[in-house]
Amino acid sequence: MAIAELDGAWNRSWPECPPEARRLRHRFPEGWVRFHALPEGKRYATSDAEHAEILRRHHVLLEDLLGGVTVGGGGGLVAITCSWSATSCPTSRDSAVAVTTPGAVHWRSDDLATEPGFQSWQHHYVSATDLHDPALDQLLLCAADDMTAGVILTEAACAWVVHPYDGGVDIFTESSKACDQLADRHAEWLPSTRQGT
């Protein structure tokens, strides 16, 4: 990974905001849309067919964002995974997520504490992947089954952000128009309220 290039792209697209979904949602609400990962907003898969549906929806959304360009051989997407600690020193990621992105390198660490006198560091690791990489599906299911948190997928220019989690996926685009168009194209997966809460 070209860390300096990623850093520049992130800061241009999402200035003064760490790669963390809650912060992105509050800082850029006009470009945010939430989709359910399963029919009727079911939170967790209980069958192979439901796991397959989760992956299908994620792939459809990612293909849409990529504009139909699905690059093979290790490019196209940037996967961001995390560890957490009470200090700025990066810690190892949980084994469940580490096996999905074994080549990940430390990118940045951010103190996400909201109370004075406390520290809550999130350490971000990055690796290249693409839609044809079986490890991407493992990572998506890891997030869907609540085995990890803080996963973010983007592309080299960081023009959009995908945050899969247990129950759904948050997507951030650089404009409200792009967000609305994405929502319209996949309206059947939207929560009953646009806020998705």
C-alpha atoms as a PDB file:
ATOM      1  CA  MET A   1       0.000   0.000   0.000  1.00  0.00           C
ATOM      2  CA  ALA A   2       1.188   3.524  -0.795  1.00  0.00           C
ATOM      3  CA  ILE A   3       0.437   5.017   2.602  1.00  0.00           C
ATOM      4  CA  ALA A   4       1.299   8.611   1.671  1.00  0.00           C
ATOM      5  CA  GLU A   5      -1.006   8.488  -1.359  1.00  0.00           C
ATOM      6  CA  LEU A   6      -3.824   6.974   0.693  1.00  0.00           C
ATOM      7  CA  ASP A   7      -3.339   9.618   3.372  1.00  0.00           C
ATOM      8  CA  GLY A   8      -3.584  12.412   0.806  1.00  0.00           C
ATOM      9  CA  ALA A   9      -6.644  10.916  -0.879  1.00  0.00           C
ATOM     10  CA  TRP A  10      -8.437  10.402   2.434  1.00  0.00           C
ATOM     11  CA  ASN A  11      -7.727  13.930   3.638  1.00  0.00           C
ATOM     12  CA  ARG A  12      -8.935  15.426   0.350  1.00  0.00           C
ATOM     13  CA  SER A  13     -12.187  13.465   0.368  1.00  0.00           C
ATOM     14  CA  TRP A  14     -12.931  13.391   4.109  1.00  0.00           C
ATOM     15  CA  PRO A  15     -11.056  16.356   5.645  1.00  0.00           C
ATOM     16  CA  GLU A  16     -10.535  16.465   9.385  1.00  0.00           C
ATOM     17  CA  CYS A  17     -12.327  13.149   9.885  1.00  0.00           C
ATOM     18  CA  PRO A  18     -10.836   9.797  10.876  1.00  0.00           C
ATOM     19  CA  PRO A  19     -11.858   6.648   8.992  1.00  0.00           C
ATOM     20  CA  GLU A  20     -14.584   5.819  11.491  1.00  0.00           C
ATOM     21  CA  ALA A  21     -18.250   5.429  10.519  1.00  0.00           C
ATOM     22  CA  ARG A  22     -19.836   7.339  13.418  1.00  0.00           C
ATOM     23  CA  ARG A  23     -17.599  10.360  12.817  1.00  0.00           C
ATOM     24  CA  LEU A  24     -18.258  10.223   9.078  1.00  0.00           C
ATOM     25  CA  ARG A  25     -22.007  10.062   9.691  1.00  0.00           C
ATOM     26  CA  HIS A  26     -21.960  13.161  11.890  1.00  0.00           C
ATOM     27  CA  ARG A  27     -19.534  15.138   9.738  1.00  0.00           C
ATOM     28  CA  PHE A  28     -20.962  14.250   6.301  1.00  0.00           C
ATOM     29  CA  PRO A  29     -24.652  13.386   6.848  1.00  0.00           C
ATOM     30  CA  GLU A  30     -25.734  14.591   3.404  1.00  0.00           C
ATOM     31  CA  GLY A  31     -23.732  11.840   1.696  1.00  0.00           C
ATOM     32  CA  TRP A  32     -24.758   8.989   3.990  1.00  0.00           C
ATOM     33  CA  VAL A  33     -27.144   6.142   3.212  1.00  0.00           C
ATOM     34  CA  ARG A  34     -27.819   2.889   5.068  1.00  0.00           C
ATOM     35  CA  PHE A  35     -28.907  -0.425   3.565  1.00  0.00           C
ATOM     36  CA  HIS A  36     -30.132  -3.605   5.222  1.00  0.00           C
ATOM     37  CA  ALA A  37     -27.931  -6.656   4.687  1.00  0.00           C
ATOM     38  CA  LEU A  38     -30.883  -9.061   4.899  1.00  0.00           C
ATOM     39  CA  PRO A  39     -34.598  -8.891   4.061  1.00  0.00           C
ATOM     40  CA  GLU A  40     -36.825  -7.129   6.590  1.00  0.00           C
ATOM     41  CA  GLY A  41     -33.807  -5.811   8.445  1.00  0.00           C
ATOM     42  CA  LYS A  42     -32.853  -9.153   9.972  1.00  0.00           C
ATOM     43  CA  ARG A  43     -29.631  -8.569  11.859  1.00  0.00           C
ATOM     44  CA  TYR A  44     -27.811 -11.915  11.757  1.00  0.00           C
ATOM     45  CA  ALA A  45     -27.724 -14.697   9.192  1.00  0.00           C
ATOM     46  CA  THR A  46     -28.879 -18.106  10.419  1.00  0.00           C
ATOM     47  CA  SER A  47     -28.312 -20.097   7.224  1.00  0.00           C
ATOM     48  CA  ASP A  48     -25.888 -20.426   4.344  1.00  0.00           C
ATOM     49  CA  ALA A  49     -28.507 -18.868   2.063  1.00  0.00           C
ATOM     50  CA  GLU A  50     -28.668 -15.758   4.268  1.00  0.00           C
ATOM     51  CA  HIS A  51     -24.876 -15.475   4.346  1.00  0.00           C
ATOM     52  CA  ALA A  52     -24.947 -15.697   0.547  1.00  0.00           C
ATOM     53  CA  GLU A  53     -27.560 -12.920   0.411  1.00  0.00           C
ATOM     54  CA  ILE A  54     -25.383 -10.671   2.581  1.00  0.00           C
ATOM     55  CA  LEU A  55     -22.459 -11.188   0.220  1.00  0.00           C
ATOM     56  CA  ARG A  56     -24.661 -10.661  -2.844  1.00  0.00           C
ATOM     57  CA  ARG A  57     -25.912  -7.299  -1.576  1.00  0.00           C
ATOM     58  CA  HIS A  58     -22.427  -6.127  -0.645  1.00  0.00           C
ATOM     59  CA  HIS A  59     -21.069  -7.112  -4.046  1.00  0.00           C
ATOM     60  CA  VAL A  60     -23.915  -5.386  -5.895  1.00  0.00           C
ATOM     61  CA  LEU A  61     -23.324  -2.160  -3.953  1.00  0.00           C
ATOM     62  CA  LEU A  62     -19.553  -2.306  -4.423  1.00  0.00           C
ATOM     63  CA  GLU A  63     -19.916  -2.988  -8.148  1.00  0.00           C
ATOM     64  CA  ASP A  64     -22.263  -0.017  -8.399  1.00  0.00           C
ATOM     65  CA  LEU A  65     -19.775   2.256  -6.628  1.00  0.00           C
ATOM     66  CA  LEU A  66     -16.905   0.973  -8.764  1.00  0.00           C
ATOM     67  CA  GLY A  67     -18.909   1.772 -11.867  1.00  0.00           C
ATOM     68  CA  GLY A  68     -18.735  -1.769 -13.170  1.00  0.00           C
ATOM     69  CA  VAL A  69     -14.928  -1.781 -13.114  1.00  0.00           C
ATOM     70  CA  THR A  70     -13.936  -4.849 -11.112  1.00  0.00           C
ATOM     71  CA  VAL A  71     -10.192  -5.210 -11.199  1.00  0.00           C
ATOM     72  CA  GLY A  72      -8.645  -8.602 -10.492  1.00  0.00           C
ATOM     73  CA  GLY A  73      -5.235  -9.437  -9.151  1.00  0.00           C
ATOM     74  CA  GLY A  74      -5.133  -7.476  -5.904  1.00  0.00           C
ATOM     75  CA  GLY A  75      -6.320  -3.993  -6.891  1.00  0.00           C
ATOM     76  CA  GLY A  76      -9.441  -1.936  -6.978  1.00  0.00           C
ATOM     77  CA  LEU A  77     -10.363  -1.770  -3.309  1.00  0.00           C
ATOM     78  CA  VAL A  78      -8.687  -0.722  -0.094  1.00  0.00           C
ATOM     79  CA  ALA A  79      -9.708  -2.647   3.031  1.00  0.00           C
ATOM     80  CA  ILE A  80      -9.302  -0.846   6.351  1.00  0.00           C
ATOM     81  CA  THR A  81      -9.432  -2.926   9.516  1.00  0.00           C
ATOM     82  CA  CYS A  82      -8.820  -1.969  13.127  1.00  0.00           C
ATOM     83  CA  SER A  83      -7.518  -2.690  16.569  1.00  0.00           C
ATOM     84  CA  TRP A  84      -8.148  -0.653  19.712  1.00  0.00           C
ATOM     85  CA  SER A  85      -6.198   0.331  22.807  1.00  0.00           C
ATOM     86  CA  ALA A  86      -5.877   2.956  25.527  1.00  0.00           C
ATOM     87  CA  THR A  87      -2.589   4.266  24.112  1.00  0.00           C
ATOM     88  CA  SER A  88      -1.324   5.571  20.783  1.00  0.00           C
ATOM     89  CA  CYS A  89       0.877   2.497  20.310  1.00  0.00           C
ATOM     90  CA  PRO A  90      -0.700   0.245  17.626  1.00  0.00           C
ATOM     91  CA  THR A  91      -1.866  -3.145  18.855  1.00  0.00           C
ATOM     92  CA  SER A  92      -2.488  -6.383  16.980  1.00  0.00           C
ATOM     93  CA  ARG A  93      -5.881  -6.960  15.412  1.00  0.00           C
ATOM     94  CA  ASP A  94      -8.157  -9.790  16.513  1.00  0.00           C
ATOM     95  CA  SER A  95      -7.204 -13.058  14.848  1.00  0.00           C
ATOM     96  CA  ALA A  96     -10.643 -13.341  13.182  1.00  0.00           C
ATOM     97  CA  VAL A  97     -10.019 -10.199  11.127  1.00  0.00           C
ATOM     98  CA  ALA A  98      -6.246 -10.597  10.793  1.00  0.00           C
ATOM     99  CA  VAL A  99      -6.653 -13.853   8.826  1.00  0.00           C
ATOM    100  CA  THR A 100      -8.800 -12.037   6.246  1.00  0.00           C
ATOM    101  CA  THR A 101      -6.150  -9.355   5.606  1.00  0.00           C
ATOM    102  CA  PRO A 102      -2.793 -10.908   6.554  1.00  0.00           C
ATOM    103  CA  GLY A 103      -0.791  -8.411   4.494  1.00  0.00           C
ATOM    104  CA  ALA A 104      -2.326  -5.340   6.108  1.00  0.00           C
ATOM    105  CA  VAL A 105       0.025  -2.563   7.239  1.00  0.00           C
ATOM    106  CA  HIS A 106      -0.522   0.088   9.884  1.00  0.00           C
ATOM    107  CA  TRP A 107      -1.814   3.319   8.355  1.00  0.00           C
ATOM    108  CA  ARG A 108      -2.795   5.661  11.185  1.00  0.00           C
ATOM    109  CA  SER A 109      -4.033   5.815  14.767  1.00  0.00           C
ATOM    110  CA  ASP A 110      -6.742   8.144  16.024  1.00  0.00           C
ATOM    111  CA  ASP A 111      -7.839   9.021  19.546  1.00  0.00           C
ATOM    112  CA  LEU A 112     -11.631   8.758  19.399  1.00  0.00           C
ATOM    113  CA  ALA A 113     -12.293   9.500  23.067  1.00  0.00           C
ATOM    114  CA  THR A 114     -15.157  11.908  23.693  1.00  0.00           C
ATOM    115  CA  GLU A 115     -14.447  12.744  27.343  1.00  0.00           C
ATOM    116  CA  PRO A 116     -11.536  14.883  28.573  1.00  0.00           C
ATOM    117  CA  GLY A 117      -8.840  12.914  30.343  1.00  0.00           C
ATOM    118  CA  PHE A 118      -9.658   9.629  28.605  1.00  0.00           C
ATOM    119  CA  GLN A 119      -8.011   8.022  25.606  1.00  0.00           C
ATOM    120  CA  SER A 120      -9.577   5.522  23.246  1.00  0.00           C
ATOM    121  CA  TRP A 121      -7.323   4.812  20.294  1.00  0.00           C
ATOM    122  CA  GLN A 122      -8.398   3.142  17.071  1.00  0.00           C
ATOM    123  CA  HIS A 123      -5.510   1.779  15.012  1.00  0.00           C
ATOM    124  CA  HIS A 124      -6.218   1.481  11.280  1.00  0.00           C
ATOM    125  CA  TYR A 125      -4.564  -1.120   9.062  1.00  0.00           C
ATOM    126  CA  VAL A 126      -4.849  -1.155   5.271  1.00  0.00           C
ATOM    127  CA  SER A 127      -4.510  -3.738   2.537  1.00  0.00           C
ATOM    128  CA  ALA A 128      -5.372  -3.990  -1.148  1.00  0.00           C
ATOM    129  CA  THR A 129      -8.160  -6.300  -2.268  1.00  0.00           C
ATOM    130  CA  ASP A 130     -10.756  -6.671  -5.019  1.00  0.00           C
ATOM    131  CA  LEU A 131     -14.206  -8.127  -5.571  1.00  0.00           C
ATOM    132  CA  HIS A 132     -12.794 -11.450  -6.761  1.00  0.00           C
ATOM    133  CA  ASP A 133     -10.648 -12.018  -3.663  1.00  0.00           C
ATOM    134  CA  PRO A 134     -12.168 -14.778  -1.452  1.00  0.00           C
ATOM    135  CA  ALA A 135     -10.605 -13.037   1.547  1.00  0.00           C
ATOM    136  CA  LEU A 136     -12.900 -10.047   0.926  1.00  0.00           C
ATOM    137  CA  ASP A 137     -15.942 -12.261   1.422  1.00  0.00           C
ATOM    138  CA  GLN A 138     -14.386 -13.611   4.621  1.00  0.00           C
ATOM    139  CA  LEU A 139     -13.919 -10.042   5.857  1.00  0.00           C
ATOM    140  CA  LEU A 140     -17.493  -9.075   4.950  1.00  0.00           C
ATOM    141  CA  LEU A 141     -18.875 -12.090   6.812  1.00  0.00           C
ATOM    142  CA  CYS A 142     -16.597 -11.363   9.755  1.00  0.00           C
ATOM    143  CA  ALA A 143     -18.246  -7.932  10.031  1.00  0.00           C
ATOM    144  CA  ALA A 144     -21.740  -9.326   9.384  1.00  0.00           C
ATOM    145  CA  ASP A 145     -21.356 -11.935  12.139  1.00  0.00           C
ATOM    146  CA  ASP A 146     -20.141  -9.267  14.612  1.00  0.00           C
ATOM    147  CA  MET A 147     -16.673 -10.788  14.879  1.00  0.00           C
ATOM    148  CA  THR A 148     -15.046  -7.416  14.263  1.00  0.00           C
ATOM    149  CA  ALA A 149     -15.991  -3.765  13.946  1.00  0.00           C
ATOM    150  CA  GLY A 150     -14.674  -0.686  12.201  1.00  0.00           C
ATOM    151  CA  VAL A 151     -14.240  -2.275   8.771  1.00  0.00           C
ATOM    152  CA  ILE A 152     -14.136   0.212   5.915  1.00  0.00           C
ATOM    153  CA  LEU A 153     -13.806  -0.391   2.183  1.00  0.00           C
ATOM    154  CA  THR A 154     -12.915   2.347  -0.276  1.00  0.00           C
ATOM    155  CA  GLU A 155     -10.964   2.853  -3.493  1.00  0.00           C
ATOM    156  CA  ALA A 156      -7.677   4.612  -4.262  1.00  0.00           C
ATOM    157  CA  ALA A 157      -9.166   8.108  -4.463  1.00  0.00           C
ATOM    158  CA  CYS A 158     -11.332   7.539  -1.350  1.00  0.00           C
ATOM    159  CA  ALA A 159     -14.281   9.055  -3.242  1.00  0.00           C
ATOM    160  CA  TRP A 160     -16.683   6.847  -1.305  1.00  0.00           C
ATOM    161  CA  VAL A 161     -16.663   4.725   1.841  1.00  0.00           C
ATOM    162  CA  VAL A 162     -18.432   1.435   2.585  1.00  0.00           C
ATOM    163  CA  HIS A 163     -18.823   0.377   6.224  1.00  0.00           C
ATOM    164  CA  PRO A 164     -20.228  -3.161   6.613  1.00  0.00           C
ATOM    165  CA  TYR A 165     -21.478  -4.174  10.045  1.00  0.00           C
ATOM    166  CA  ASP A 166     -23.811  -6.700  11.643  1.00  0.00           C
ATOM    167  CA  GLY A 167     -27.201  -6.010  10.090  1.00  0.00           C
ATOM    168  CA  GLY A 168     -26.323  -3.675   7.262  1.00  0.00           C
ATOM    169  CA  VAL A 169     -23.942  -1.368   5.499  1.00  0.00           C
ATOM    170  CA  ASP A 170     -23.390   2.387   5.711  1.00  0.00           C
ATOM    171  CA  ILE A 171     -22.212   4.096   2.540  1.00  0.00           C
ATOM    172  CA  PHE A 172     -20.768   7.591   2.326  1.00  0.00           C
ATOM    173  CA  THR A 173     -20.472   9.450  -0.967  1.00  0.00           C
ATOM    174  CA  GLU A 174     -18.965  12.854  -1.692  1.00  0.00           C
ATOM    175  CA  SER A 175     -22.291  14.392  -2.714  1.00  0.00           C
ATOM    176  CA  SER A 176     -25.933  14.167  -1.710  1.00  0.00           C
ATOM    177  CA  LYS A 177     -26.823  13.617  -5.388  1.00  0.00           C
ATOM    178  CA  ALA A 178     -24.634  10.497  -5.626  1.00  0.00           C
ATOM    179  CA  CYS A 179     -26.078   9.292  -2.334  1.00  0.00           C
ATOM    180  CA  ASP A 180     -29.673   9.787  -3.496  1.00  0.00           C
ATOM    181  CA  GLN A 181     -28.990   8.037  -6.805  1.00  0.00           C
ATOM    182  CA  LEU A 182     -27.497   5.031  -5.000  1.00  0.00           C
ATOM    183  CA  ALA A 183     -30.490   4.916  -2.649  1.00  0.00           C
ATOM    184  CA  ASP A 184     -32.904   5.058  -5.590  1.00  0.00           C
ATOM    185  CA  ARG A 185     -31.149   2.216  -7.423  1.00  0.00           C
ATOM    186  CA  HIS A 186     -31.352  -0.067  -4.370  1.00  0.00           C
ATOM    187  CA  ALA A 187     -34.485   1.253  -2.688  1.00  0.00           C
ATOM    188  CA  GLU A 188     -35.720  -2.233  -1.764  1.00  0.00           C
ATOM    189  CA  TRP A 189     -32.829  -2.577   0.707  1.00  0.00           C
ATOM    190  CA  LEU A 190     -33.410   0.723   2.509  1.00  0.00           C
ATOM    191  CA  PRO A 191     -34.613   0.816   6.123  1.00  0.00           C
ATOM    192  CA  SER A 192     -38.100   2.153   6.750  1.00  0.00           C
ATOM    193  CA  THR A 193     -36.591   5.518   7.705  1.00  0.00           C
ATOM    194  CA  ARG A 194     -33.735   7.131   5.782  1.00  0.00           C
ATOM    195  CA  GLN A 195     -31.767   7.407   9.048  1.00  0.00           C
ATOM    196  CA  GLY A 196     -31.924   3.630   9.351  1.00  0.00           C
ATOM    197  CA  THR A 197     -32.240   3.720  13.127  1.00  0.00           C
END
